[in-house]
Amino acid sequence: MASPGVVAAHALTVPGAVVTRTHSFQDRLACVVAAGHDAAAAQRNAERAAPLFSIDIQAVQDGYEGGRGR
């Protein structure tokens, strides 16, 4: 990913992976690390880069408890 101020950008999953919402840090599917001359500039750089990620999520019914999740 090429975007001003971005020093790292990583997808934290792979195509076709089954992900389960855990309501924790494990729900993150990607991350962007950005730098700037101050914290506000770094935040702007990260926010500008974040939409460059494209993640398509499809809900599946798992059969557990009638498909209500875990």
PDB file of N, CA and C in Angstrom:
ATOM      1  N   MET A   1       0.860  -1.173   0.000  1.00  0.00           N
ATOM      2  CA  MET A   1       0.000   0.000   0.000  1.00  0.00           C
ATOM      3  C   MET A   1       0.898   1.224   0.000  1.00  0.00           C
ATOM      4  N   ALA A   2       0.685   2.114  -0.921  1.00  0.00           N
ATOM      5  CA  ALA A   2       1.451   3.356  -0.979  1.00  0.00           C
ATOM      6  C   ALA A   2       0.538   4.515  -0.604  1.00  0.00           C
ATOM      7  N   SER A   3       0.861   5.155   0.499  1.00  0.00           N
ATOM      8  CA  SER A   3       0.085   6.296   0.969  1.00  0.00           C
ATOM      9  C   SER A   3       1.018   7.145   1.831  1.00  0.00           C
ATOM     10  N   PRO A   4       0.961   8.462   1.701  1.00  0.00           N
ATOM     11  CA  PRO A   4       1.865   9.332   2.467  1.00  0.00           C
ATOM     12  C   PRO A   4       1.828   9.058   3.975  1.00  0.00           C
ATOM     13  N   GLY A   5       2.999   8.896   4.564  1.00  0.00           N
ATOM     14  CA  GLY A   5       3.116   8.716   6.004  1.00  0.00           C
ATOM     15  C   GLY A   5       2.933   7.298   6.490  1.00  0.00           C
ATOM     16  N   VAL A   6       2.488   6.381   5.642  1.00  0.00           N
ATOM     17  CA  VAL A   6       2.262   4.998   6.076  1.00  0.00           C
ATOM     18  C   VAL A   6       3.588   4.257   6.114  1.00  0.00           C
ATOM     19  N   VAL A   7       3.891   3.673   7.261  1.00  0.00           N
ATOM     20  CA  VAL A   7       5.131   2.915   7.410  1.00  0.00           C
ATOM     21  C   VAL A   7       4.888   1.412   7.381  1.00  0.00           C
ATOM     22  N   ALA A   8       3.642   0.984   7.608  1.00  0.00           N
ATOM     23  CA  ALA A   8       3.298  -0.434   7.537  1.00  0.00           C
ATOM     24  C   ALA A   8       1.797  -0.575   7.340  1.00  0.00           C
ATOM     25  N   ALA A   9       1.419  -1.578   6.572  1.00  0.00           N
ATOM     26  CA  ALA A   9       0.004  -1.907   6.378  1.00  0.00           C
ATOM     27  C   ALA A   9      -0.071  -3.407   6.143  1.00  0.00           C
ATOM     28  N   HIS A  10      -0.921  -4.082   6.897  1.00  0.00           N
ATOM     29  CA  HIS A  10      -0.980  -5.542   6.810  1.00  0.00           C
ATOM     30  C   HIS A  10      -2.417  -6.028   6.905  1.00  0.00           C
ATOM     31  N   ALA A  11      -2.743  -6.979   6.044  1.00  0.00           N
ATOM     32  CA  ALA A  11      -3.983  -7.738   6.211  1.00  0.00           C
ATOM     33  C   ALA A  11      -3.682  -8.802   7.256  1.00  0.00           C
ATOM     34  N   LEU A  12      -4.586  -8.989   8.187  1.00  0.00           N
ATOM     35  CA  LEU A  12      -4.362  -9.939   9.277  1.00  0.00           C
ATOM     36  C   LEU A  12      -5.158 -11.225   9.085  1.00  0.00           C
ATOM     37  N   THR A  13      -5.669 -11.419   7.886  1.00  0.00           N
ATOM     38  CA  THR A  13      -6.381 -12.636   7.533  1.00  0.00           C
ATOM     39  C   THR A  13      -6.074 -12.929   6.073  1.00  0.00           C
ATOM     40  N   VAL A  14      -6.564 -14.029   5.564  1.00  0.00           N
ATOM     41  CA  VAL A  14      -6.315 -14.409   4.177  1.00  0.00           C
ATOM     42  C   VAL A  14      -7.641 -14.651   3.470  1.00  0.00           C
ATOM     43  N   PRO A  15      -7.652 -14.535   2.142  1.00  0.00           N
ATOM     44  CA  PRO A  15      -8.896 -14.798   1.400  1.00  0.00           C
ATOM     45  C   PRO A  15      -9.444 -16.185   1.712  1.00  0.00           C
ATOM     46  N   GLY A  16     -10.734 -16.239   1.942  1.00  0.00           N
ATOM     47  CA  GLY A  16     -11.403 -17.504   2.221  1.00  0.00           C
ATOM     48  C   GLY A  16     -11.402 -17.921   3.676  1.00  0.00           C
ATOM     49  N   ALA A  17     -10.714 -17.190   4.524  1.00  0.00           N
ATOM     50  CA  ALA A  17     -10.659 -17.549   5.945  1.00  0.00           C
ATOM     51  C   ALA A  17     -12.014 -17.334   6.600  1.00  0.00           C
ATOM     52  N   VAL A  18     -12.351 -18.197   7.521  1.00  0.00           N
ATOM     53  CA  VAL A  18     -13.555 -18.026   8.335  1.00  0.00           C
ATOM     54  C   VAL A  18     -13.144 -17.240   9.569  1.00  0.00           C
ATOM     55  N   VAL A  19     -13.781 -16.110   9.785  1.00  0.00           N
ATOM     56  CA  VAL A  19     -13.482 -15.293  10.959  1.00  0.00           C
ATOM     57  C   VAL A  19     -14.697 -15.258  11.863  1.00  0.00           C
ATOM     58  N   THR A  20     -14.446 -15.243  13.136  1.00  0.00           N
ATOM     59  CA  THR A  20     -15.505 -15.211  14.139  1.00  0.00           C
ATOM     60  C   THR A  20     -15.342 -13.958  14.969  1.00  0.00           C
ATOM     61  N   ARG A  21     -16.426 -13.224  15.141  1.00  0.00           N
ATOM     62  CA  ARG A  21     -16.361 -12.014  15.952  1.00  0.00           C
ATOM     63  C   ARG A  21     -16.199 -12.405  17.414  1.00  0.00           C
ATOM     64  N   THR A  22     -15.166 -11.859  18.044  1.00  0.00           N
ATOM     65  CA  THR A  22     -14.873 -12.187  19.439  1.00  0.00           C
ATOM     66  C   THR A  22     -15.067 -10.995  20.374  1.00  0.00           C
ATOM     67  N   HIS A  23     -15.336  -9.820  19.805  1.00  0.00           N
ATOM     68  CA  HIS A  23     -15.486  -8.579  20.578  1.00  0.00           C
ATOM     69  C   HIS A  23     -14.206  -8.274  21.352  1.00  0.00           C
ATOM     70  N   SER A  24     -13.072  -8.543  20.697  1.00  0.00           N
ATOM     71  CA  SER A  24     -11.770  -8.260  21.292  1.00  0.00           C
ATOM     72  C   SER A  24     -10.831  -7.777  20.190  1.00  0.00           C
ATOM     73  N   PHE A  25      -9.564  -7.607  20.535  1.00  0.00           N
ATOM     74  CA  PHE A  25      -8.573  -7.202  19.549  1.00  0.00           C
ATOM     75  C   PHE A  25      -8.492  -8.194  18.393  1.00  0.00           C
ATOM     76  N   GLN A  26      -8.937  -9.429  18.600  1.00  0.00           N
ATOM     77  CA  GLN A  26      -8.861 -10.448  17.554  1.00  0.00           C
ATOM     78  C   GLN A  26      -9.838 -10.190  16.412  1.00  0.00           C
ATOM     79  N   ASP A  27     -10.735  -9.221  16.556  1.00  0.00           N
ATOM     80  CA  ASP A  27     -11.668  -8.863  15.490  1.00  0.00           C
ATOM     81  C   ASP A  27     -10.997  -8.057  14.387  1.00  0.00           C
ATOM     82  N   ARG A  28      -9.795  -7.573  14.604  1.00  0.00           N
ATOM     83  CA  ARG A  28      -9.114  -6.765  13.589  1.00  0.00           C
ATOM     84  C   ARG A  28      -8.741  -7.631  12.395  1.00  0.00           C
ATOM     85  N   LEU A  29      -9.087  -7.156  11.212  1.00  0.00           N
ATOM     86  CA  LEU A  29      -8.771  -7.887   9.996  1.00  0.00           C
ATOM     87  C   LEU A  29      -7.631  -7.246   9.223  1.00  0.00           C
ATOM     88  N   ALA A  30      -7.253  -6.030   9.605  1.00  0.00           N
ATOM     89  CA  ALA A  30      -6.139  -5.334   8.956  1.00  0.00           C
ATOM     90  C   ALA A  30      -5.651  -4.243   9.894  1.00  0.00           C
ATOM     91  N   CYS A  31      -4.451  -3.749   9.606  1.00  0.00           N
ATOM     92  CA  CYS A  31      -3.943  -2.631  10.393  1.00  0.00           C
ATOM     93  C   CYS A  31      -3.095  -1.719   9.515  1.00  0.00           C
ATOM     94  N   VAL A  32      -3.089  -0.450   9.879  1.00  0.00           N
ATOM     95  CA  VAL A  32      -2.282   0.561   9.203  1.00  0.00           C
ATOM     96  C   VAL A  32      -1.492   1.287  10.282  1.00  0.00           C
ATOM     97  N   VAL A  33      -0.173   1.400  10.094  1.00  0.00           N
ATOM     98  CA  VAL A  33       0.678   2.150  11.001  1.00  0.00           C
ATOM     99  C   VAL A  33       1.214   3.339  10.216  1.00  0.00           C
ATOM    100  N   ALA A  34       0.998   4.529  10.752  1.00  0.00           N
ATOM    101  CA  ALA A  34       1.411   5.739  10.044  1.00  0.00           C
ATOM    102  C   ALA A  34       2.223   6.636  10.961  1.00  0.00           C
ATOM    103  N   ALA A  35       3.031   7.493  10.344  1.00  0.00           N
ATOM    104  CA  ALA A  35       3.824   8.477  11.071  1.00  0.00           C
ATOM    105  C   ALA A  35       3.445   9.869  10.583  1.00  0.00           C
ATOM    106  N   GLY A  36       3.797  10.850  11.376  1.00  0.00           N
ATOM    107  CA  GLY A  36       3.555  12.240  11.013  1.00  0.00           C
ATOM    108  C   GLY A  36       4.387  13.138  11.902  1.00  0.00           C
ATOM    109  N   HIS A  37       4.380  14.427  11.627  1.00  0.00           N
ATOM    110  CA  HIS A  37       5.188  15.343  12.431  1.00  0.00           C
ATOM    111  C   HIS A  37       4.638  15.513  13.843  1.00  0.00           C
ATOM    112  N   ASP A  38       3.381  15.112  14.045  1.00  0.00           N
ATOM    113  CA  ASP A  38       2.791  15.052  15.387  1.00  0.00           C
ATOM    114  C   ASP A  38       1.701  13.982  15.365  1.00  0.00           C
ATOM    115  N   ALA A  39       1.091  13.729  16.506  1.00  0.00           N
ATOM    116  CA  ALA A  39       0.086  12.666  16.606  1.00  0.00           C
ATOM    117  C   ALA A  39      -1.096  12.908  15.683  1.00  0.00           C
ATOM    118  N   ALA A  40      -1.527  14.151  15.559  1.00  0.00           N
ATOM    119  CA  ALA A  40      -2.679  14.464  14.704  1.00  0.00           C
ATOM    120  C   ALA A  40      -2.356  14.175  13.235  1.00  0.00           C
ATOM    121  N   ALA A  41      -1.151  14.495  12.797  1.00  0.00           N
ATOM    122  CA  ALA A  41      -0.759  14.221  11.413  1.00  0.00           C
ATOM    123  C   ALA A  41      -0.671  12.717  11.164  1.00  0.00           C
ATOM    124  N   ALA A  42      -0.146  11.980  12.112  1.00  0.00           N
ATOM    125  CA  ALA A  42      -0.076  10.521  11.975  1.00  0.00           C
ATOM    126  C   ALA A  42      -1.479   9.932  11.878  1.00  0.00           C
ATOM    127  N   GLN A  43      -2.395  10.422  12.693  1.00  0.00           N
ATOM    128  CA  GLN A  43      -3.774   9.941  12.647  1.00  0.00           C
ATOM    129  C   GLN A  43      -4.396  10.245  11.289  1.00  0.00           C
ATOM    130  N   ARG A  44      -4.195  11.446  10.777  1.00  0.00           N
ATOM    131  CA  ARG A  44      -4.741  11.790   9.455  1.00  0.00           C
ATOM    132  C   ARG A  44      -4.166  10.877   8.376  1.00  0.00           C
ATOM    133  N   ASN A  45      -2.864  10.610   8.450  1.00  0.00           N
ATOM    134  CA  ASN A  45      -2.244   9.725   7.459  1.00  0.00           C
ATOM    135  C   ASN A  45      -2.827   8.315   7.524  1.00  0.00           C
ATOM    136  N   ALA A  46      -3.042   7.798   8.721  1.00  0.00           N
ATOM    137  CA  ALA A  46      -3.633   6.465   8.876  1.00  0.00           C
ATOM    138  C   ALA A  46      -5.073   6.450   8.382  1.00  0.00           C
ATOM    139  N   GLU A  47      -5.844   7.465   8.726  1.00  0.00           N
ATOM    140  CA  GLU A  47      -7.243   7.517   8.295  1.00  0.00           C
ATOM    141  C   GLU A  47      -7.357   7.664   6.776  1.00  0.00           C
ATOM    142  N   ARG A  48      -6.419   8.346   6.158  1.00  0.00           N
ATOM    143  CA  ARG A  48      -6.417   8.498   4.706  1.00  0.00           C
ATOM    144  C   ARG A  48      -6.091   7.159   4.030  1.00  0.00           C
ATOM    145  N   ALA A  49      -5.261   6.359   4.657  1.00  0.00           N
ATOM    146  CA  ALA A  49      -4.861   5.082   4.074  1.00  0.00           C
ATOM    147  C   ALA A  49      -5.863   3.958   4.324  1.00  0.00           C
ATOM    148  N   ALA A  50      -6.578   3.994   5.426  1.00  0.00           N
ATOM    149  CA  ALA A  50      -7.470   2.891   5.799  1.00  0.00           C
ATOM    150  C   ALA A  50      -8.469   2.515   4.706  1.00  0.00           C
ATOM    151  N   PRO A  51      -9.099   3.461   4.013  1.00  0.00           N
ATOM    152  CA  PRO A  51     -10.052   3.070   2.973  1.00  0.00           C
ATOM    153  C   PRO A  51      -9.423   2.358   1.773  1.00  0.00           C
ATOM    154  N   LEU A  52      -8.105   2.347   1.695  1.00  0.00           N
ATOM    155  CA  LEU A  52      -7.447   1.645   0.601  1.00  0.00           C
ATOM    156  C   LEU A  52      -7.530   0.131   0.767  1.00  0.00           C
ATOM    157  N   PHE A  53      -7.857  -0.328   1.984  1.00  0.00           N
ATOM    158  CA  PHE A  53      -8.099  -1.740   2.219  1.00  0.00           C
ATOM    159  C   PHE A  53      -9.499  -2.074   1.722  1.00  0.00           C
ATOM    160  N   SER A  54      -9.649  -3.247   1.171  1.00  0.00           N
ATOM    161  CA  SER A  54     -10.959  -3.725   0.746  1.00  0.00           C
ATOM    162  C   SER A  54     -11.134  -5.135   1.285  1.00  0.00           C
ATOM    163  N   ILE A  55     -12.096  -5.305   2.173  1.00  0.00           N
ATOM    164  CA  ILE A  55     -12.359  -6.615   2.765  1.00  0.00           C
ATOM    165  C   ILE A  55     -13.841  -6.916   2.572  1.00  0.00           C
ATOM    166  N   ASP A  56     -14.135  -8.024   1.935  1.00  0.00           N
ATOM    167  CA  ASP A  56     -15.507  -8.453   1.690  1.00  0.00           C
ATOM    168  C   ASP A  56     -15.860  -9.522   2.708  1.00  0.00           C
ATOM    169  N   ILE A  57     -16.894  -9.273   3.479  1.00  0.00           N
ATOM    170  CA  ILE A  57     -17.310 -10.206   4.536  1.00  0.00           C
ATOM    171  C   ILE A  57     -18.696 -10.727   4.204  1.00  0.00           C
ATOM    172  N   GLN A  58     -18.854 -12.032   4.266  1.00  0.00           N
ATOM    173  CA  GLN A  58     -20.140 -12.662   4.022  1.00  0.00           C
ATOM    174  C   GLN A  58     -20.534 -13.451   5.263  1.00  0.00           C
ATOM    175  N   ALA A  59     -21.757 -13.247   5.715  1.00  0.00           N
ATOM    176  CA  ALA A  59     -22.242 -13.970   6.886  1.00  0.00           C
ATOM    177  C   ALA A  59     -22.573 -15.409   6.497  1.00  0.00           C
ATOM    178  N   VAL A  60     -22.258 -16.325   7.395  1.00  0.00           N
ATOM    179  CA  VAL A  60     -22.612 -17.731   7.200  1.00  0.00           C
ATOM    180  C   VAL A  60     -23.356 -18.203   8.437  1.00  0.00           C
ATOM    181  N   GLN A  61     -24.284 -19.093   8.217  1.00  0.00           N
ATOM    182  CA  GLN A  61     -25.013 -19.666   9.342  1.00  0.00           C
ATOM    183  C   GLN A  61     -24.295 -20.939   9.738  1.00  0.00           C
ATOM    184  N   ASP A  62     -23.889 -21.020  10.999  1.00  0.00           N
ATOM    185  CA  ASP A  62     -23.050 -22.135  11.422  1.00  0.00           C
ATOM    186  C   ASP A  62     -23.798 -23.308  12.039  1.00  0.00           C
ATOM    187  N   GLY A  63     -25.091 -23.184  12.266  1.00  0.00           N
ATOM    188  CA  GLY A  63     -25.846 -24.284  12.843  1.00  0.00           C
ATOM    189  C   GLY A  63     -25.750 -24.369  14.353  1.00  0.00           C
ATOM    190  N   TYR A  64     -24.812 -23.692  14.955  1.00  0.00           N
ATOM    191  CA  TYR A  64     -24.666 -23.691  16.417  1.00  0.00           C
ATOM    192  C   TYR A  64     -25.749 -22.826  17.017  1.00  0.00           C
ATOM    193  N   GLU A  65     -26.516 -23.372  17.927  1.00  0.00           N
ATOM    194  CA  GLU A  65     -27.611 -22.648  18.573  1.00  0.00           C
ATOM    195  C   GLU A  65     -28.519 -21.980  17.552  1.00  0.00           C
ATOM    196  N   GLY A  66     -28.830 -22.705  16.493  1.00  0.00           N
ATOM    197  CA  GLY A  66     -29.748 -22.156  15.506  1.00  0.00           C
ATOM    198  C   GLY A  66     -29.127 -21.052  14.690  1.00  0.00           C
ATOM    199  N   GLY A  67     -27.800 -20.983  14.612  1.00  0.00           N
ATOM    200  CA  GLY A  67     -27.129 -19.973  13.808  1.00  0.00           C
ATOM    201  C   GLY A  67     -26.969 -18.632  14.497  1.00  0.00           C
ATOM    202  N   ARG A  68     -27.166 -18.581  15.809  1.00  0.00           N
ATOM    203  CA  ARG A  68     -27.048 -17.304  16.529  1.00  0.00           C
ATOM    204  C   ARG A  68     -25.616 -16.968  16.881  1.00  0.00           C
ATOM    205  N   GLY A  69     -24.674 -17.794  16.517  1.00  0.00           N
ATOM    206  CA  GLY A  69     -23.281 -17.497  16.843  1.00  0.00           C
ATOM    207  C   GLY A  69     -22.836 -18.219  18.093  1.00  0.00           C
ATOM    208  N   ARG A  70     -21.657 -17.842  18.540  1.00  0.00           N
ATOM    209  CA  ARG A  70     -21.067 -18.523  19.706  1.00  0.00           C
ATOM    210  C   ARG A  70     -20.915 -17.606  20.864  1.00  0.00           C
TER     211      ARG A  70
END
